[in-house]
């Protein structure tokens, strides 16, 4: 597996891996659904089973019945910056990603990362200074 820069959730749909925005029970539709981010080269028309579609630019998405998805999982990525380990996520689109780190380590406060013992310490980290320390893959329960 390639080293990820930030944690993500994924699903497998028709033999292809997609970034999953979320999954939930849709009360209006009366079923479990999966909301996936559309890759750059695909459009909502490539997903005829989609129940909903929307978004613009890099934040385009479709909602599919969860029964059509064979697997859901997440990969949590952790990295170290200036001696403190952070849980890493990427905000924004792939063209202008912002590396966001959070930790419960009080040393983060000394690095100028705002937070507290209840909300954790979280802030934007310089991606070129973060060393990936571990990746943890976990299966997600499906509806």
C-alpha atoms as a PDB file:
ATOM      1  CA  UNK A   1       0.000   0.000   0.000  1.00  0.00           C
ATOM      2  CA  UNK A   2       1.224   3.512  -0.743  1.00  0.00           C
ATOM      3  CA  UNK A   3       1.858   5.725   2.247  1.00  0.00           C
ATOM      4  CA  UNK A   4      -1.174   7.866   2.899  1.00  0.00           C
ATOM      5  CA  UNK A   5      -0.794  11.423   4.038  1.00  0.00           C
ATOM      6  CA  UNK A   6      -4.119  11.446   5.875  1.00  0.00           C
ATOM      7  CA  UNK A   7      -6.766   9.148   7.260  1.00  0.00           C
ATOM      8  CA  UNK A   8      -9.660   8.159   4.994  1.00  0.00           C
ATOM      9  CA  UNK A   9     -12.680   5.887   4.837  1.00  0.00           C
ATOM     10  CA  UNK A  10     -13.114   3.661   1.780  1.00  0.00           C
ATOM     11  CA  UNK A  11     -15.636   1.342   0.213  1.00  0.00           C
ATOM     12  CA  UNK A  12     -15.533  -1.267  -2.519  1.00  0.00           C
ATOM     13  CA  UNK A  13     -18.148  -0.857  -5.237  1.00  0.00           C
ATOM     14  CA  UNK A  14     -18.197  -3.044  -8.362  1.00  0.00           C
ATOM     15  CA  UNK A  15     -14.610  -4.123  -7.743  1.00  0.00           C
ATOM     16  CA  UNK A  16     -13.310  -0.536  -7.451  1.00  0.00           C
ATOM     17  CA  UNK A  17     -12.114   1.306  -4.363  1.00  0.00           C
ATOM     18  CA  UNK A  18     -13.661   4.716  -3.644  1.00  0.00           C
ATOM     19  CA  UNK A  19     -13.192   7.306  -0.927  1.00  0.00           C
ATOM     20  CA  UNK A  20     -16.245   7.192   1.275  1.00  0.00           C
ATOM     21  CA  UNK A  21     -17.583  10.420   2.714  1.00  0.00           C
ATOM     22  CA  UNK A  22     -19.920   8.571   5.082  1.00  0.00           C
ATOM     23  CA  UNK A  23     -22.504   5.819   5.375  1.00  0.00           C
ATOM     24  CA  UNK A  24     -25.815   6.029   7.195  1.00  0.00           C
ATOM     25  CA  UNK A  25     -29.433   4.917   7.329  1.00  0.00           C
ATOM     26  CA  UNK A  26     -31.411   7.311   5.153  1.00  0.00           C
ATOM     27  CA  UNK A  27     -34.844   7.697   6.742  1.00  0.00           C
ATOM     28  CA  UNK A  28     -36.431   9.164   3.604  1.00  0.00           C
ATOM     29  CA  UNK A  29     -35.249   6.250   1.448  1.00  0.00           C
ATOM     30  CA  UNK A  30     -35.747   3.649   4.186  1.00  0.00           C
ATOM     31  CA  UNK A  31     -32.373   2.007   3.588  1.00  0.00           C
ATOM     32  CA  UNK A  32     -28.678   2.148   4.389  1.00  0.00           C
ATOM     33  CA  UNK A  33     -26.660   4.205   1.927  1.00  0.00           C
ATOM     34  CA  UNK A  34     -23.042   5.095   1.178  1.00  0.00           C
ATOM     35  CA  UNK A  35     -21.938   8.560   0.090  1.00  0.00           C
ATOM     36  CA  UNK A  36     -18.772   8.393  -2.038  1.00  0.00           C
ATOM     37  CA  UNK A  37     -16.535  11.108  -3.438  1.00  0.00           C
ATOM     38  CA  UNK A  38     -16.393  11.005  -7.222  1.00  0.00           C
ATOM     39  CA  UNK A  39     -12.908  10.574  -8.676  1.00  0.00           C
ATOM     40  CA  UNK A  40     -11.816  13.337 -11.077  1.00  0.00           C
ATOM     41  CA  UNK A  41     -12.344  11.344 -14.267  1.00  0.00           C
ATOM     42  CA  UNK A  42     -15.832  10.069 -13.395  1.00  0.00           C
ATOM     43  CA  UNK A  43     -19.200  11.782 -13.369  1.00  0.00           C
ATOM     44  CA  UNK A  44     -22.455  11.019 -11.593  1.00  0.00           C
ATOM     45  CA  UNK A  45     -23.684   9.532 -14.888  1.00  0.00           C
ATOM     46  CA  UNK A  46     -21.118   6.729 -14.385  1.00  0.00           C
ATOM     47  CA  UNK A  47     -23.206   5.597 -11.395  1.00  0.00           C
ATOM     48  CA  UNK A  48     -26.697   4.786 -12.723  1.00  0.00           C
ATOM     49  CA  UNK A  49     -27.646   3.199  -9.370  1.00  0.00           C
ATOM     50  CA  UNK A  50     -27.050   6.510  -7.554  1.00  0.00           C
ATOM     51  CA  UNK A  51     -29.963   7.611  -5.393  1.00  0.00           C
ATOM     52  CA  UNK A  52     -28.645  11.147  -4.990  1.00  0.00           C
ATOM     53  CA  UNK A  53     -25.850  13.201  -6.525  1.00  0.00           C
ATOM     54  CA  UNK A  54     -24.400  16.614  -5.916  1.00  0.00           C
ATOM     55  CA  UNK A  55     -21.453  18.832  -5.162  1.00  0.00           C
ATOM     56  CA  UNK A  56     -19.161  20.815  -7.388  1.00  0.00           C
ATOM     57  CA  UNK A  57     -15.549  20.686  -8.516  1.00  0.00           C
ATOM     58  CA  UNK A  58     -13.463  18.407  -6.324  1.00  0.00           C
ATOM     59  CA  UNK A  59     -16.346  17.873  -3.895  1.00  0.00           C
ATOM     60  CA  UNK A  60     -18.656  15.934  -6.217  1.00  0.00           C
ATOM     61  CA  UNK A  61     -20.416  12.936  -4.703  1.00  0.00           C
ATOM     62  CA  UNK A  62     -23.052  10.246  -5.223  1.00  0.00           C
ATOM     63  CA  UNK A  63     -25.154   8.283  -2.754  1.00  0.00           C
ATOM     64  CA  UNK A  64     -25.501   4.550  -3.451  1.00  0.00           C
ATOM     65  CA  UNK A  65     -27.521   1.821  -1.747  1.00  0.00           C
ATOM     66  CA  UNK A  66     -25.170   0.192   0.764  1.00  0.00           C
ATOM     67  CA  UNK A  67     -26.309  -3.271  -0.381  1.00  0.00           C
ATOM     68  CA  UNK A  68     -24.311  -2.649  -3.599  1.00  0.00           C
ATOM     69  CA  UNK A  69     -21.083  -2.125  -1.648  1.00  0.00           C
ATOM     70  CA  UNK A  70     -19.030  -5.212  -0.800  1.00  0.00           C
ATOM     71  CA  UNK A  71     -16.788  -3.713   1.882  1.00  0.00           C
ATOM     72  CA  UNK A  72     -16.247  -0.594   3.999  1.00  0.00           C
ATOM     73  CA  UNK A  73     -13.021   0.189   5.885  1.00  0.00           C
ATOM     74  CA  UNK A  74     -10.908   3.021   7.161  1.00  0.00           C
ATOM     75  CA  UNK A  75      -7.203   3.643   7.305  1.00  0.00           C
ATOM     76  CA  UNK A  76      -6.088   5.839  10.172  1.00  0.00           C
ATOM     77  CA  UNK A  77      -2.755   7.539   9.620  1.00  0.00           C
ATOM     78  CA  UNK A  78      -0.498   8.858  12.363  1.00  0.00           C
ATOM     79  CA  UNK A  79       2.559  11.022  11.960  1.00  0.00           C
ATOM     80  CA  UNK A  80       5.122  12.771  14.096  1.00  0.00           C
ATOM     81  CA  UNK A  81       5.883  16.481  13.969  1.00  0.00           C
ATOM     82  CA  UNK A  82       8.517  18.005  16.261  1.00  0.00           C
ATOM     83  CA  UNK A  83       8.416  14.996  18.577  1.00  0.00           C
ATOM     84  CA  UNK A  84       4.635  14.829  18.962  1.00  0.00           C
ATOM     85  CA  UNK A  85       2.466  12.147  17.340  1.00  0.00           C
ATOM     86  CA  UNK A  86      -0.680  13.386  15.583  1.00  0.00           C
ATOM     87  CA  UNK A  87      -3.688  11.703  13.993  1.00  0.00           C
ATOM     88  CA  UNK A  88      -3.625  13.006  10.411  1.00  0.00           C
ATOM     89  CA  UNK A  89      -6.429  13.985   8.071  1.00  0.00           C
ATOM     90  CA  UNK A  90      -6.430  15.968   4.849  1.00  0.00           C
ATOM     91  CA  UNK A  91      -8.863  18.830   4.397  1.00  0.00           C
ATOM     92  CA  UNK A  92      -9.713  20.328   1.041  1.00  0.00           C
ATOM     93  CA  UNK A  93      -9.407  18.832  -2.404  1.00  0.00           C
ATOM     94  CA  UNK A  94      -6.519  16.870  -3.832  1.00  0.00           C
ATOM     95  CA  UNK A  95      -5.136  19.903  -5.666  1.00  0.00           C
ATOM     96  CA  UNK A  96      -4.793  22.039  -2.529  1.00  0.00           C
ATOM     97  CA  UNK A  97      -4.697  19.638   0.408  1.00  0.00           C
ATOM     98  CA  UNK A  98      -4.264  20.919   3.941  1.00  0.00           C
ATOM     99  CA  UNK A  99      -2.749  18.475   6.422  1.00  0.00           C
ATOM    100  CA  UNK A 100      -4.670  18.625   9.687  1.00  0.00           C
ATOM    101  CA  UNK A 101      -3.352  16.934  12.805  1.00  0.00           C
ATOM    102  CA  UNK A 102      -4.905  16.261  16.174  1.00  0.00           C
ATOM    103  CA  UNK A 103      -3.494  14.766  19.327  1.00  0.00           C
ATOM    104  CA  UNK A 104      -4.234  14.535  23.011  1.00  0.00           C
ATOM    105  CA  UNK A 105      -0.576  15.067  23.906  1.00  0.00           C
ATOM    106  CA  UNK A 106      -0.142  18.189  26.006  1.00  0.00           C
ATOM    107  CA  UNK A 107       3.230  18.799  24.335  1.00  0.00           C
ATOM    108  CA  UNK A 108       1.230  20.010  21.321  1.00  0.00           C
ATOM    109  CA  UNK A 109       0.345  23.105  23.308  1.00  0.00           C
ATOM    110  CA  UNK A 110       4.038  24.013  23.473  1.00  0.00           C
ATOM    111  CA  UNK A 111       4.150  23.768  19.657  1.00  0.00           C
ATOM    112  CA  UNK A 112       1.487  26.457  19.350  1.00  0.00           C
ATOM    113  CA  UNK A 113      -1.269  23.975  18.494  1.00  0.00           C
ATOM    114  CA  UNK A 114      -4.510  25.175  20.127  1.00  0.00           C
ATOM    115  CA  UNK A 115      -6.679  22.822  22.146  1.00  0.00           C
ATOM    116  CA  UNK A 116      -7.474  21.414  25.551  1.00  0.00           C
ATOM    117  CA  UNK A 117      -7.827  18.102  27.360  1.00  0.00           C
ATOM    118  CA  UNK A 118     -11.445  17.741  26.239  1.00  0.00           C
ATOM    119  CA  UNK A 119     -11.252  18.748  22.567  1.00  0.00           C
ATOM    120  CA  UNK A 120      -7.655  17.568  21.950  1.00  0.00           C
ATOM    121  CA  UNK A 121      -5.010  19.679  20.270  1.00  0.00           C
ATOM    122  CA  UNK A 122      -5.585  20.245  16.572  1.00  0.00           C
ATOM    123  CA  UNK A 123      -4.113  22.409  13.858  1.00  0.00           C
ATOM    124  CA  UNK A 124      -2.642  22.677  10.391  1.00  0.00           C
ATOM    125  CA  UNK A 125       0.739  20.945  10.081  1.00  0.00           C
ATOM    126  CA  UNK A 126       3.420  21.423   7.395  1.00  0.00           C
ATOM    127  CA  UNK A 127       3.174  18.186   5.388  1.00  0.00           C
ATOM    128  CA  UNK A 128       6.842  18.244   4.396  1.00  0.00           C
ATOM    129  CA  UNK A 129       7.861  18.182   8.095  1.00  0.00           C
ATOM    130  CA  UNK A 130       5.565  15.338   9.206  1.00  0.00           C
ATOM    131  CA  UNK A 131       6.971  11.808   9.335  1.00  0.00           C
ATOM    132  CA  UNK A 132       4.348   9.061   8.947  1.00  0.00           C
ATOM    133  CA  UNK A 133       4.748   6.721  11.932  1.00  0.00           C
ATOM    134  CA  UNK A 134       1.954   4.196  11.415  1.00  0.00           C
ATOM    135  CA  UNK A 135      -1.173   3.286   9.477  1.00  0.00           C
ATOM    136  CA  UNK A 136      -3.971   1.273  11.052  1.00  0.00           C
ATOM    137  CA  UNK A 137      -6.594  -0.402   8.856  1.00  0.00           C
ATOM    138  CA  UNK A 138      -9.964  -1.293  10.364  1.00  0.00           C
ATOM    139  CA  UNK A 139     -13.093  -2.859   8.870  1.00  0.00           C
ATOM    140  CA  UNK A 140     -16.237  -0.798   9.330  1.00  0.00           C
ATOM    141  CA  UNK A 141     -19.588  -2.348  10.219  1.00  0.00           C
ATOM    142  CA  UNK A 142     -22.167  -2.237   7.464  1.00  0.00           C
ATOM    143  CA  UNK A 143     -25.869  -1.535   8.018  1.00  0.00           C
END
